[in-house]
Amino acid sequence: MKYLLMLYAEEKAGLAIPPEQMAGFMAKMAAYQETLEKAGAFVATAALQPTFEAKTISNAGELKVHDGPYADTREQFGGYFIIEADGMDEAVDFAAQCPAATWGKIEIRPYHPGYAPG
């Protein structure tokens, strides 16, 4: 079954990290991806641009577009991994290895069985 690991962190804190320190964090994320690949669990990953680059829309009869995220929260959705796991317990084990769990939170959501991409 496929699982989406949604990575949340404090965006302002992340933007304040010096480039050399951020490069170290990104190296840890690359090593994590390699771990997933070796386990046969890796499907896809991507990082997202900061929320000030985002738009939120609604279209209940009239299209409305707002700058940034809809919710004002301390932590923002910053990227994701899509993994293949035998069940939620294994997905939790994979997520616990992700370096992003040390500076933020990871939400684990199973794909709906009828809509999971091939």
PDB file of N, CA and C in Angstrom:
ATOM      1  N   MET A   1       0.840  -1.174   0.000  1.00  0.00           N
ATOM      2  CA  MET A   1       0.000   0.000   0.000  1.00  0.00           C
ATOM      3  C   MET A   1       0.889   1.242   0.000  1.00  0.00           C
ATOM      4  N   LYS A   2       0.439   2.267  -0.682  1.00  0.00           N
ATOM      5  CA  LYS A   2       1.183   3.519  -0.727  1.00  0.00           C
ATOM      6  C   LYS A   2       0.763   4.437   0.420  1.00  0.00           C
ATOM      7  N   TYR A   3       1.758   5.169   0.946  1.00  0.00           N
ATOM      8  CA  TYR A   3       1.548   6.125   2.030  1.00  0.00           C
ATOM      9  C   TYR A   3       2.197   7.447   1.655  1.00  0.00           C
ATOM     10  N   LEU A   4       1.546   8.534   2.025  1.00  0.00           N
ATOM     11  CA  LEU A   4       2.096   9.870   1.846  1.00  0.00           C
ATOM     12  C   LEU A   4       2.640  10.335   3.186  1.00  0.00           C
ATOM     13  N   LEU A   5       3.937  10.652   3.226  1.00  0.00           N
ATOM     14  CA  LEU A   5       4.553  11.217   4.421  1.00  0.00           C
ATOM     15  C   LEU A   5       4.629  12.720   4.191  1.00  0.00           C
ATOM     16  N   MET A   6       3.808  13.492   4.894  1.00  0.00           N
ATOM     17  CA  MET A   6       3.785  14.944   4.744  1.00  0.00           C
ATOM     18  C   MET A   6       4.690  15.560   5.798  1.00  0.00           C
ATOM     19  N   LEU A   7       5.694  16.300   5.350  1.00  0.00           N
ATOM     20  CA  LEU A   7       6.701  16.870   6.239  1.00  0.00           C
ATOM     21  C   LEU A   7       6.316  18.294   6.624  1.00  0.00           C
ATOM     22  N   TYR A   8       6.183  18.534   7.918  1.00  0.00           N
ATOM     23  CA  TYR A   8       5.824  19.855   8.434  1.00  0.00           C
ATOM     24  C   TYR A   8       6.961  20.396   9.283  1.00  0.00           C
ATOM     25  N   ALA A   9       7.241  21.681   9.148  1.00  0.00           N
ATOM     26  CA  ALA A   9       8.270  22.332   9.961  1.00  0.00           C
ATOM     27  C   ALA A   9       7.961  23.819  10.030  1.00  0.00           C
ATOM     28  N   GLU A  10       8.634  24.505  10.931  1.00  0.00           N
ATOM     29  CA  GLU A  10       8.476  25.954  11.042  1.00  0.00           C
ATOM     30  C   GLU A  10       9.261  26.607   9.911  1.00  0.00           C
ATOM     31  N   GLU A  11       8.538  27.132   8.962  1.00  0.00           N
ATOM     32  CA  GLU A  11       9.138  27.687   7.763  1.00  0.00           C
ATOM     33  C   GLU A  11      10.102  28.844   8.066  1.00  0.00           C
ATOM     34  N   LYS A  12       9.727  29.752   8.950  1.00  0.00           N
ATOM     35  CA  LYS A  12      10.594  30.899   9.275  1.00  0.00           C
ATOM     36  C   LYS A  12      11.915  30.426   9.862  1.00  0.00           C
ATOM     37  N   ALA A  13      11.873  29.416  10.716  1.00  0.00           N
ATOM     38  CA  ALA A  13      13.105  28.878  11.291  1.00  0.00           C
ATOM     39  C   ALA A  13      13.960  28.252  10.203  1.00  0.00           C
ATOM     40  N   GLY A  14      13.336  27.534   9.276  1.00  0.00           N
ATOM     41  CA  GLY A  14      14.074  26.911   8.187  1.00  0.00           C
ATOM     42  C   GLY A  14      14.731  27.923   7.263  1.00  0.00           C
ATOM     43  N   LEU A  15      14.028  29.029   6.997  1.00  0.00           N
ATOM     44  CA  LEU A  15      14.587  30.065   6.125  1.00  0.00           C
ATOM     45  C   LEU A  15      15.772  30.780   6.774  1.00  0.00           C
ATOM     46  N   ALA A  16      15.869  30.716   8.108  1.00  0.00           N
ATOM     47  CA  ALA A  16      16.953  31.384   8.834  1.00  0.00           C
ATOM     48  C   ALA A  16      18.207  30.506   8.976  1.00  0.00           C
ATOM     49  N   ILE A  17      18.143  29.254   8.552  1.00  0.00           N
ATOM     50  CA  ILE A  17      19.287  28.341   8.688  1.00  0.00           C
ATOM     51  C   ILE A  17      20.362  28.736   7.684  1.00  0.00           C
ATOM     52  N   PRO A  18      21.608  28.885   8.139  1.00  0.00           N
ATOM     53  CA  PRO A  18      22.704  29.219   7.213  1.00  0.00           C
ATOM     54  C   PRO A  18      22.851  28.158   6.126  1.00  0.00           C
ATOM     55  N   PRO A  19      23.226  28.577   4.905  1.00  0.00           N
ATOM     56  CA  PRO A  19      23.307  27.641   3.775  1.00  0.00           C
ATOM     57  C   PRO A  19      24.169  26.408   4.042  1.00  0.00           C
ATOM     58  N   GLU A  20      25.306  26.560   4.721  1.00  0.00           N
ATOM     59  CA  GLU A  20      26.163  25.396   4.963  1.00  0.00           C
ATOM     60  C   GLU A  20      25.496  24.397   5.907  1.00  0.00           C
ATOM     61  N   GLN A  21      24.739  24.895   6.862  1.00  0.00           N
ATOM     62  CA  GLN A  21      24.012  24.013   7.776  1.00  0.00           C
ATOM     63  C   GLN A  21      22.840  23.345   7.038  1.00  0.00           C
ATOM     64  N   MET A  22      22.159  24.100   6.180  1.00  0.00           N
ATOM     65  CA  MET A  22      21.050  23.544   5.396  1.00  0.00           C
ATOM     66  C   MET A  22      21.567  22.449   4.465  1.00  0.00           C
ATOM     67  N   ALA A  23      22.749  22.638   3.891  1.00  0.00           N
ATOM     68  CA  ALA A  23      23.331  21.615   3.020  1.00  0.00           C
ATOM     69  C   ALA A  23      23.516  20.306   3.793  1.00  0.00           C
ATOM     70  N   GLY A  24      23.898  20.392   5.068  1.00  0.00           N
ATOM     71  CA  GLY A  24      24.022  19.195   5.903  1.00  0.00           C
ATOM     72  C   GLY A  24      22.688  18.512   6.112  1.00  0.00           C
ATOM     73  N   PHE A  25      21.632  19.306   6.346  1.00  0.00           N
ATOM     74  CA  PHE A  25      20.303  18.731   6.511  1.00  0.00           C
ATOM     75  C   PHE A  25      19.841  18.050   5.218  1.00  0.00           C
ATOM     76  N   MET A  26      20.114  18.693   4.085  1.00  0.00           N
ATOM     77  CA  MET A  26      19.698  18.114   2.805  1.00  0.00           C
ATOM     78  C   MET A  26      20.480  16.835   2.497  1.00  0.00           C
ATOM     79  N   ALA A  27      21.730  16.761   2.935  1.00  0.00           N
ATOM     80  CA  ALA A  27      22.503  15.521   2.772  1.00  0.00           C
ATOM     81  C   ALA A  27      21.866  14.391   3.578  1.00  0.00           C
ATOM     82  N   LYS A  28      21.365  14.705   4.769  1.00  0.00           N
ATOM     83  CA  LYS A  28      20.675  13.695   5.581  1.00  0.00           C
ATOM     84  C   LYS A  28      19.392  13.236   4.888  1.00  0.00           C
ATOM     85  N   MET A  29      18.688  14.168   4.255  1.00  0.00           N
ATOM     86  CA  MET A  29      17.460  13.794   3.543  1.00  0.00           C
ATOM     87  C   MET A  29      17.784  12.916   2.332  1.00  0.00           C
ATOM     88  N   ALA A  30      18.883  13.206   1.639  1.00  0.00           N
ATOM     89  CA  ALA A  30      19.294  12.374   0.502  1.00  0.00           C
ATOM     90  C   ALA A  30      19.658  10.969   0.973  1.00  0.00           C
ATOM     91  N   ALA A  31      20.325  10.869   2.125  1.00  0.00           N
ATOM     92  CA  ALA A  31      20.677   9.554   2.679  1.00  0.00           C
ATOM     93  C   ALA A  31      19.404   8.788   3.070  1.00  0.00           C
ATOM     94  N   TYR A  32      18.418   9.505   3.598  1.00  0.00           N
ATOM     95  CA  TYR A  32      17.137   8.878   3.934  1.00  0.00           C
ATOM     96  C   TYR A  32      16.472   8.328   2.676  1.00  0.00           C
ATOM     97  N   GLN A  33      16.492   9.097   1.588  1.00  0.00           N
ATOM     98  CA  GLN A  33      15.913   8.624   0.336  1.00  0.00           C
ATOM     99  C   GLN A  33      16.633   7.363  -0.131  1.00  0.00           C
ATOM    100  N   GLU A  34      17.947   7.328  -0.009  1.00  0.00           N
ATOM    101  CA  GLU A  34      18.708   6.131  -0.386  1.00  0.00           C
ATOM    102  C   GLU A  34      18.290   4.926   0.454  1.00  0.00           C
ATOM    103  N   THR A  35      18.039   5.151   1.746  1.00  0.00           N
ATOM    104  CA  THR A  35      17.573   4.072   2.621  1.00  0.00           C
ATOM    105  C   THR A  35      16.238   3.522   2.133  1.00  0.00           C
ATOM    106  N   LEU A  36      15.318   4.424   1.776  1.00  0.00           N
ATOM    107  CA  LEU A  36      14.021   3.995   1.250  1.00  0.00           C
ATOM    108  C   LEU A  36      14.182   3.234  -0.061  1.00  0.00           C
ATOM    109  N   GLU A  37      15.068   3.728  -0.925  1.00  0.00           N
ATOM    110  CA  GLU A  37      15.290   3.054  -2.209  1.00  0.00           C
ATOM    111  C   GLU A  37      15.825   1.644  -1.998  1.00  0.00           C
ATOM    112  N   LYS A  38      16.798   1.482  -1.110  1.00  0.00           N
ATOM    113  CA  LYS A  38      17.378   0.163  -0.840  1.00  0.00           C
ATOM    114  C   LYS A  38      16.342  -0.798  -0.259  1.00  0.00           C
ATOM    115  N   ALA A  39      15.383  -0.261   0.501  1.00  0.00           N
ATOM    116  CA  ALA A  39      14.338  -1.086   1.094  1.00  0.00           C
ATOM    117  C   ALA A  39      13.202  -1.381   0.113  1.00  0.00           C
ATOM    118  N   GLY A  40      13.254  -0.781  -1.071  1.00  0.00           N
ATOM    119  CA  GLY A  40      12.188  -0.962  -2.050  1.00  0.00           C
ATOM    120  C   GLY A  40      10.923  -0.213  -1.694  1.00  0.00           C
ATOM    121  N   ALA A  41      11.044   0.805  -0.828  1.00  0.00           N
ATOM    122  CA  ALA A  41       9.879   1.536  -0.349  1.00  0.00           C
ATOM    123  C   ALA A  41       9.704   2.897  -1.020  1.00  0.00           C
ATOM    124  N   PHE A  42      10.725   3.388  -1.706  1.00  0.00           N
ATOM    125  CA  PHE A  42      10.672   4.737  -2.277  1.00  0.00           C
ATOM    126  C   PHE A  42       9.796   4.762  -3.517  1.00  0.00           C
ATOM    127  N   VAL A  43       8.891   5.762  -3.584  1.00  0.00           N
ATOM    128  CA  VAL A  43       8.071   5.996  -4.763  1.00  0.00           C
ATOM    129  C   VAL A  43       8.397   7.367  -5.350  1.00  0.00           C
ATOM    130  N   ALA A  44       8.314   8.441  -4.518  1.00  0.00           N
ATOM    131  CA  ALA A  44       8.560   9.799  -5.005  1.00  0.00           C
ATOM    132  C   ALA A  44       8.798  10.724  -3.827  1.00  0.00           C
ATOM    133  N   THR A  45       9.378  11.880  -4.119  1.00  0.00           N
ATOM    134  CA  THR A  45       9.566  12.914  -3.109  1.00  0.00           C
ATOM    135  C   THR A  45       9.640  14.268  -3.793  1.00  0.00           C
ATOM    136  N   ALA A  46       9.372  15.329  -3.048  1.00  0.00           N
ATOM    137  CA  ALA A  46       9.550  16.692  -3.543  1.00  0.00           C
ATOM    138  C   ALA A  46       9.550  17.640  -2.358  1.00  0.00           C
ATOM    139  N   ALA A  47      10.284  18.721  -2.520  1.00  0.00           N
ATOM    140  CA  ALA A  47      10.248  19.819  -1.549  1.00  0.00           C
ATOM    141  C   ALA A  47       9.353  20.908  -2.134  1.00  0.00           C
ATOM    142  N   LEU A  48       8.727  21.662  -1.276  1.00  0.00           N
ATOM    143  CA  LEU A  48       7.835  22.727  -1.725  1.00  0.00           C
ATOM    144  C   LEU A  48       8.473  24.092  -1.497  1.00  0.00           C
ATOM    145  N   GLN A  49       8.099  25.048  -2.316  1.00  0.00           N
ATOM    146  CA  GLN A  49       8.553  26.428  -2.140  1.00  0.00           C
ATOM    147  C   GLN A  49       7.876  26.988  -0.881  1.00  0.00           C
ATOM    148  N   PRO A  50       8.404  28.085  -0.314  1.00  0.00           N
ATOM    149  CA  PRO A  50       7.807  28.664   0.900  1.00  0.00           C
ATOM    150  C   PRO A  50       6.356  29.088   0.686  1.00  0.00           C
ATOM    151  N   THR A  51       5.615  29.182   1.772  1.00  0.00           N
ATOM    152  CA  THR A  51       4.189  29.498   1.687  1.00  0.00           C
ATOM    153  C   THR A  51       3.919  30.861   1.074  1.00  0.00           C
ATOM    154  N   PHE A  52       4.881  31.806   1.147  1.00  0.00           N
ATOM    155  CA  PHE A  52       4.629  33.113   0.530  1.00  0.00           C
ATOM    156  C   PHE A  52       4.573  33.012  -0.995  1.00  0.00           C
ATOM    157  N   GLU A  53       4.963  31.871  -1.544  1.00  0.00           N
ATOM    158  CA  GLU A  53       4.845  31.620  -2.977  1.00  0.00           C
ATOM    159  C   GLU A  53       3.520  30.931  -3.318  1.00  0.00           C
ATOM    160  N   ALA A  54       2.752  30.538  -2.305  1.00  0.00           N
ATOM    161  CA  ALA A  54       1.533  29.751  -2.504  1.00  0.00           C
ATOM    162  C   ALA A  54       0.308  30.630  -2.757  1.00  0.00           C
ATOM    163  N   LYS A  55      -0.704  30.005  -3.284  1.00  0.00           N
ATOM    164  CA  LYS A  55      -2.037  30.583  -3.425  1.00  0.00           C
ATOM    165  C   LYS A  55      -3.025  29.557  -2.897  1.00  0.00           C
ATOM    166  N   THR A  56      -4.117  30.025  -2.318  1.00  0.00           N
ATOM    167  CA  THR A  56      -5.212  29.162  -1.892  1.00  0.00           C
ATOM    168  C   THR A  56      -6.456  29.644  -2.614  1.00  0.00           C
ATOM    169  N   ILE A  57      -7.178  28.719  -3.211  1.00  0.00           N
ATOM    170  CA  ILE A  57      -8.371  29.120  -3.957  1.00  0.00           C
ATOM    171  C   ILE A  57      -9.616  28.450  -3.385  1.00  0.00           C
ATOM    172  N   SER A  58     -10.742  29.067  -3.642  1.00  0.00           N
ATOM    173  CA  SER A  58     -12.040  28.448  -3.395  1.00  0.00           C
ATOM    174  C   SER A  58     -12.923  28.829  -4.583  1.00  0.00           C
ATOM    175  N   ASN A  59     -13.861  27.978  -4.879  1.00  0.00           N
ATOM    176  CA  ASN A  59     -14.713  28.239  -6.040  1.00  0.00           C
ATOM    177  C   ASN A  59     -16.133  27.784  -5.743  1.00  0.00           C
ATOM    178  N   ALA A  60     -16.752  28.440  -4.789  1.00  0.00           N
ATOM    179  CA  ALA A  60     -18.139  28.152  -4.437  1.00  0.00           C
ATOM    180  C   ALA A  60     -19.022  29.167  -5.159  1.00  0.00           C
ATOM    181  N   GLY A  61     -19.073  29.060  -6.482  1.00  0.00           N
ATOM    182  CA  GLY A  61     -19.868  29.988  -7.277  1.00  0.00           C
ATOM    183  C   GLY A  61     -19.046  31.143  -7.825  1.00  0.00           C
ATOM    184  N   GLU A  62     -18.007  31.546  -7.101  1.00  0.00           N
ATOM    185  CA  GLU A  62     -17.132  32.629  -7.548  1.00  0.00           C
ATOM    186  C   GLU A  62     -15.702  32.275  -7.148  1.00  0.00           C
ATOM    187  N   LEU A  63     -14.785  32.333  -8.112  1.00  0.00           N
ATOM    188  CA  LEU A  63     -13.396  32.001  -7.831  1.00  0.00           C
ATOM    189  C   LEU A  63     -12.781  33.071  -6.934  1.00  0.00           C
ATOM    190  N   LYS A  64     -12.211  32.619  -5.809  1.00  0.00           N
ATOM    191  CA  LYS A  64     -11.496  33.514  -4.901  1.00  0.00           C
ATOM    192  C   LYS A  64     -10.083  32.977  -4.751  1.00  0.00           C
ATOM    193  N   VAL A  65      -9.106  33.861  -4.876  1.00  0.00           N
ATOM    194  CA  VAL A  65      -7.699  33.492  -4.768  1.00  0.00           C
ATOM    195  C   VAL A  65      -7.073  34.318  -3.663  1.00  0.00           C
ATOM    196  N   HIS A  66      -6.389  33.629  -2.737  1.00  0.00           N
ATOM    197  CA  HIS A  66      -5.728  34.291  -1.610  1.00  0.00           C
ATOM    198  C   HIS A  66      -4.246  33.960  -1.645  1.00  0.00           C
ATOM    199  N   ASP A  67      -3.417  34.903  -1.248  1.00  0.00           N
ATOM    200  CA  ASP A  67      -1.984  34.643  -1.151  1.00  0.00           C
ATOM    201  C   ASP A  67      -1.704  33.752   0.042  1.00  0.00           C
ATOM    202  N   GLY A  68      -0.720  32.863  -0.128  1.00  0.00           N
ATOM    203  CA  GLY A  68      -0.256  32.031   0.975  1.00  0.00           C
ATOM    204  C   GLY A  68      -1.206  30.914   1.336  1.00  0.00           C
ATOM    205  N   PRO A  69      -0.882  30.234   2.429  1.00  0.00           N
ATOM    206  CA  PRO A  69      -1.716  29.107   2.864  1.00  0.00           C
ATOM    207  C   PRO A  69      -3.011  29.614   3.488  1.00  0.00           C
ATOM    208  N   TYR A  70      -3.995  28.759   3.480  1.00  0.00           N
ATOM    209  CA  TYR A  70      -5.290  29.133   4.050  1.00  0.00           C
ATOM    210  C   TYR A  70      -5.221  29.237   5.564  1.00  0.00           C
ATOM    211  N   ALA A  71      -4.560  28.299   6.199  1.00  0.00           N
ATOM    212  CA  ALA A  71      -4.479  28.274   7.657  1.00  0.00           C
ATOM    213  C   ALA A  71      -3.198  28.961   8.124  1.00  0.00           C
ATOM    214  N   ASP A  72      -3.298  29.748   9.177  1.00  0.00           N
ATOM    215  CA  ASP A  72      -2.126  30.374   9.776  1.00  0.00           C
ATOM    216  C   ASP A  72      -1.680  29.483  10.928  1.00  0.00           C
ATOM    217  N   THR A  73      -0.636  28.707  10.693  1.00  0.00           N
ATOM    218  CA  THR A  73      -0.165  27.753  11.684  1.00  0.00           C
ATOM    219  C   THR A  73       1.321  27.959  11.941  1.00  0.00           C
ATOM    220  N   ARG A  74       1.805  27.377  13.014  1.00  0.00           N
ATOM    221  CA  ARG A  74       3.218  27.481  13.345  1.00  0.00           C
ATOM    222  C   ARG A  74       4.077  26.651  12.396  1.00  0.00           C
ATOM    223  N   GLU A  75       3.599  25.493  12.018  1.00  0.00           N
ATOM    224  CA  GLU A  75       4.341  24.611  11.122  1.00  0.00           C
ATOM    225  C   GLU A  75       3.643  24.569   9.768  1.00  0.00           C
ATOM    226  N   GLN A  76       4.446  24.511   8.712  1.00  0.00           N
ATOM    227  CA  GLN A  76       3.907  24.506   7.364  1.00  0.00           C
ATOM    228  C   GLN A  76       4.300  23.212   6.657  1.00  0.00           C
ATOM    229  N   PHE A  77       3.467  22.828   5.710  1.00  0.00           N
ATOM    230  CA  PHE A  77       3.717  21.653   4.874  1.00  0.00           C
ATOM    231  C   PHE A  77       4.841  22.029   3.913  1.00  0.00           C
ATOM    232  N   GLY A  78       5.984  21.350   4.016  1.00  0.00           N
ATOM    233  CA  GLY A  78       7.149  21.757   3.254  1.00  0.00           C
ATOM    234  C   GLY A  78       7.628  20.759   2.216  1.00  0.00           C
ATOM    235  N   GLY A  79       7.119  19.554   2.240  1.00  0.00           N
ATOM    236  CA  GLY A  79       7.548  18.553   1.275  1.00  0.00           C
ATOM    237  C   GLY A  79       6.932  17.219   1.610  1.00  0.00           C
ATOM    238  N   TYR A  80       7.244  16.222   0.801  1.00  0.00           N
ATOM    239  CA  TYR A  80       6.626  14.916   1.021  1.00  0.00           C
ATOM    240  C   TYR A  80       7.493  13.798   0.472  1.00  0.00           C
ATOM    241  N   PHE A  81       7.202  12.620   0.941  1.00  0.00           N
ATOM    242  CA  PHE A  81       7.674  11.372   0.362  1.00  0.00           C
ATOM    243  C   PHE A  81       6.443  10.522   0.125  1.00  0.00           C
ATOM    244  N   ILE A  82       6.429   9.805  -0.977  1.00  0.00           N
ATOM    245  CA  ILE A  82       5.436   8.759  -1.192  1.00  0.00           C
ATOM    246  C   ILE A  82       6.206   7.462  -1.064  1.00  0.00           C
ATOM    247  N   ILE A  83       5.717   6.591  -0.194  1.00  0.00           N
ATOM    248  CA  ILE A  83       6.407   5.324   0.047  1.00  0.00           C
ATOM    249  C   ILE A  83       5.452   4.158  -0.168  1.00  0.00           C
ATOM    250  N   GLU A  84       6.022   2.999  -0.315  1.00  0.00           N
ATOM    251  CA  GLU A  84       5.280   1.741  -0.389  1.00  0.00           C
ATOM    252  C   GLU A  84       5.614   0.982   0.887  1.00  0.00           C
ATOM    253  N   ALA A  85       4.585   0.561   1.637  1.00  0.00           N
ATOM    254  CA  ALA A  85       4.794  -0.167   2.890  1.00  0.00           C
ATOM    255  C   ALA A  85       3.731  -1.251   3.017  1.00  0.00           C
ATOM    256  N   ASP A  86       4.050  -2.272   3.807  1.00  0.00           N
ATOM    257  CA  ASP A  86       3.127  -3.388   3.994  1.00  0.00           C
ATOM    258  C   ASP A  86       1.961  -3.045   4.918  1.00  0.00           C
ATOM    259  N   GLY A  87       2.039  -1.949   5.642  1.00  0.00           N
ATOM    260  CA  GLY A  87       0.973  -1.539   6.536  1.00  0.00           C
ATOM    261  C   GLY A  87       1.391  -0.286   7.286  1.00  0.00           C
ATOM    262  N   MET A  88       0.494   0.232   8.109  1.00  0.00           N
ATOM    263  CA  MET A  88       0.771   1.465   8.829  1.00  0.00           C
ATOM    264  C   MET A  88       1.975   1.322   9.759  1.00  0.00           C
ATOM    265  N   ASP A  89       2.131   0.162  10.394  1.00  0.00           N
ATOM    266  CA  ASP A  89       3.283  -0.011  11.294  1.00  0.00           C
ATOM    267  C   ASP A  89       4.598   0.166  10.539  1.00  0.00           C
ATOM    268  N   GLU A  90       4.697  -0.429   9.361  1.00  0.00           N
ATOM    269  CA  GLU A  90       5.930  -0.281   8.577  1.00  0.00           C
ATOM    270  C   GLU A  90       6.087   1.163   8.088  1.00  0.00           C
ATOM    271  N   ALA A  91       4.977   1.809   7.702  1.00  0.00           N
ATOM    272  CA  ALA A  91       5.042   3.215   7.278  1.00  0.00           C
ATOM    273  C   ALA A  91       5.539   4.096   8.419  1.00  0.00           C
ATOM    274  N   VAL A  92       5.083   3.829   9.637  1.00  0.00           N
ATOM    275  CA  VAL A  92       5.552   4.579  10.813  1.00  0.00           C
ATOM    276  C   VAL A  92       7.045   4.341  11.013  1.00  0.00           C
ATOM    277  N   ASP A  93       7.490   3.107  10.860  1.00  0.00           N
ATOM    278  CA  ASP A  93       8.921   2.800  11.007  1.00  0.00           C
ATOM    279  C   ASP A  93       9.750   3.589   9.988  1.00  0.00           C
ATOM    280  N   PHE A  94       9.304   3.630   8.730  1.00  0.00           N
ATOM    281  CA  PHE A  94      10.024   4.398   7.709  1.00  0.00           C
ATOM    282  C   PHE A  94      10.004   5.890   8.037  1.00  0.00           C
ATOM    283  N   ALA A  95       8.855   6.414   8.453  1.00  0.00           N
ATOM    284  CA  ALA A  95       8.747   7.839   8.770  1.00  0.00           C
ATOM    285  C   ALA A  95       9.643   8.211   9.951  1.00  0.00           C
ATOM    286  N   ALA A  96       9.761   7.317  10.920  1.00  0.00           N
ATOM    287  CA  ALA A  96      10.588   7.589  12.102  1.00  0.00           C
ATOM    288  C   ALA A  96      12.065   7.737  11.741  1.00  0.00           C
ATOM    289  N   GLN A  97      12.474   7.181  10.608  1.00  0.00           N
ATOM    290  CA  GLN A  97      13.861   7.298  10.162  1.00  0.00           C
ATOM    291  C   GLN A  97      14.134   8.605   9.419  1.00  0.00           C
ATOM    292  N   CYS A  98      13.089   9.331   9.062  1.00  0.00           N
ATOM    293  CA  CYS A  98      13.241  10.551   8.271  1.00  0.00           C
ATOM    294  C   CYS A  98      13.832  11.670   9.132  1.00  0.00           C
ATOM    295  N   PRO A  99      14.919  12.299   8.676  1.00  0.00           N
ATOM    296  CA  PRO A  99      15.514  13.388   9.455  1.00  0.00           C
ATOM    297  C   PRO A  99      14.554  14.534   9.736  1.00  0.00           C
ATOM    298  N   ALA A 100      13.563  14.733   8.876  1.00  0.00           N
ATOM    299  CA  ALA A 100      12.606  15.820   9.087  1.00  0.00           C
ATOM    300  C   ALA A 100      11.821  15.653  10.385  1.00  0.00           C
ATOM    301  N   ALA A 101      11.736  14.438  10.889  1.00  0.00           N
ATOM    302  CA  ALA A 101      11.037  14.202  12.162  1.00  0.00           C
ATOM    303  C   ALA A 101      11.784  14.823  13.335  1.00  0.00           C
ATOM    304  N   THR A 102      13.062  15.152  13.148  1.00  0.00           N
ATOM    305  CA  THR A 102      13.832  15.752  14.240  1.00  0.00           C
ATOM    306  C   THR A 102      13.634  17.256  14.335  1.00  0.00           C
ATOM    307  N   TRP A 103      13.117  17.897  13.283  1.00  0.00           N
ATOM    308  CA  TRP A 103      12.890  19.347  13.354  1.00  0.00           C
ATOM    309  C   TRP A 103      11.443  19.735  13.094  1.00  0.00           C
ATOM    310  N   GLY A 104      10.588  18.769  12.873  1.00  0.00           N
ATOM    311  CA  GLY A 104       9.177  19.056  12.642  1.00  0.00           C
ATOM    312  C   GLY A 104       8.350  17.804  12.850  1.00  0.00           C
ATOM    313  N   LYS A 105       7.197  17.776  12.223  1.00  0.00           N
ATOM    314  CA  LYS A 105       6.294  16.633  12.349  1.00  0.00           C
ATOM    315  C   LYS A 105       6.082  16.005  10.980  1.00  0.00           C
ATOM    316  N   ILE A 106       5.731  14.737  10.996  1.00  0.00           N
ATOM    317  CA  ILE A 106       5.420  14.017   9.764  1.00  0.00           C
ATOM    318  C   ILE A 106       4.043  13.400   9.924  1.00  0.00           C
ATOM    319  N   GLU A 107       3.144  13.770   9.027  1.00  0.00           N
ATOM    320  CA  GLU A 107       1.816  13.144   9.003  1.00  0.00           C
ATOM    321  C   GLU A 107       1.867  12.008   7.990  1.00  0.00           C
ATOM    322  N   ILE A 108       1.367  10.853   8.376  1.00  0.00           N
ATOM    323  CA  ILE A 108       1.381   9.660   7.535  1.00  0.00           C
ATOM    324  C   ILE A 108      -0.059   9.365   7.122  1.00  0.00           C
ATOM    325  N   ARG A 109      -0.307   9.381   5.812  1.00  0.00           N
ATOM    326  CA  ARG A 109      -1.661   9.126   5.330  1.00  0.00           C
ATOM    327  C   ARG A 109      -1.632   8.039   4.277  1.00  0.00           C
ATOM    328  N   PRO A 110      -2.420   6.973   4.484  1.00  0.00           N
ATOM    329  CA  PRO A 110      -2.513   5.940   3.451  1.00  0.00           C
ATOM    330  C   PRO A 110      -3.311   6.471   2.261  1.00  0.00           C
ATOM    331  N   TYR A 111      -2.912   6.028   1.080  1.00  0.00           N
ATOM    332  CA  TYR A 111      -3.697   6.353  -0.115  1.00  0.00           C
ATOM    333  C   TYR A 111      -5.017   5.606  -0.030  1.00  0.00           C
ATOM    334  N   HIS A 112      -6.055   6.212  -0.552  1.00  0.00           N
ATOM    335  CA  HIS A 112      -7.348   5.536  -0.643  1.00  0.00           C
ATOM    336  C   HIS A 112      -7.172   4.370  -1.614  1.00  0.00           C
ATOM    337  N   PRO A 113      -7.573   3.170  -1.224  1.00  0.00           N
ATOM    338  CA  PRO A 113      -7.302   2.010  -2.080  1.00  0.00           C
ATOM    339  C   PRO A 113      -7.875   2.126  -3.492  1.00  0.00           C
ATOM    340  N   GLY A 114      -8.972   2.829  -3.656  1.00  0.00           N
ATOM    341  CA  GLY A 114      -9.569   2.966  -4.974  1.00  0.00           C
ATOM    342  C   GLY A 114      -8.921   4.024  -5.843  1.00  0.00           C
ATOM    343  N   TYR A 115      -8.024   4.869  -5.243  1.00  0.00           N
ATOM    344  CA  TYR A 115      -7.477   5.995  -5.992  1.00  0.00           C
ATOM    345  C   TYR A 115      -5.960   6.036  -5.983  1.00  0.00           C
ATOM    346  N   ALA A 116      -5.294   5.031  -5.469  1.00  0.00           N
ATOM    347  CA  ALA A 116      -3.834   5.038  -5.389  1.00  0.00           C
ATOM    348  C   ALA A 116      -3.233   4.966  -6.787  1.00  0.00           C
ATOM    349  N   PRO A 117      -2.248   5.835  -7.047  1.00  0.00           N
ATOM    350  CA  PRO A 117      -1.593   5.777  -8.350  1.00  0.00           C
ATOM    351  C   PRO A 117      -0.819   4.474  -8.517  1.00  0.00           C
ATOM    352  N   GLY A 118      -0.681   4.016  -9.743  1.00  0.00           N
ATOM    353  CA  GLY A 118       0.000   2.757 -10.030  1.00  0.00           C
ATOM    354  C   GLY A 118       1.426   2.859  -9.768  1.00  0.00           C
TER     355      GLY A 118
END
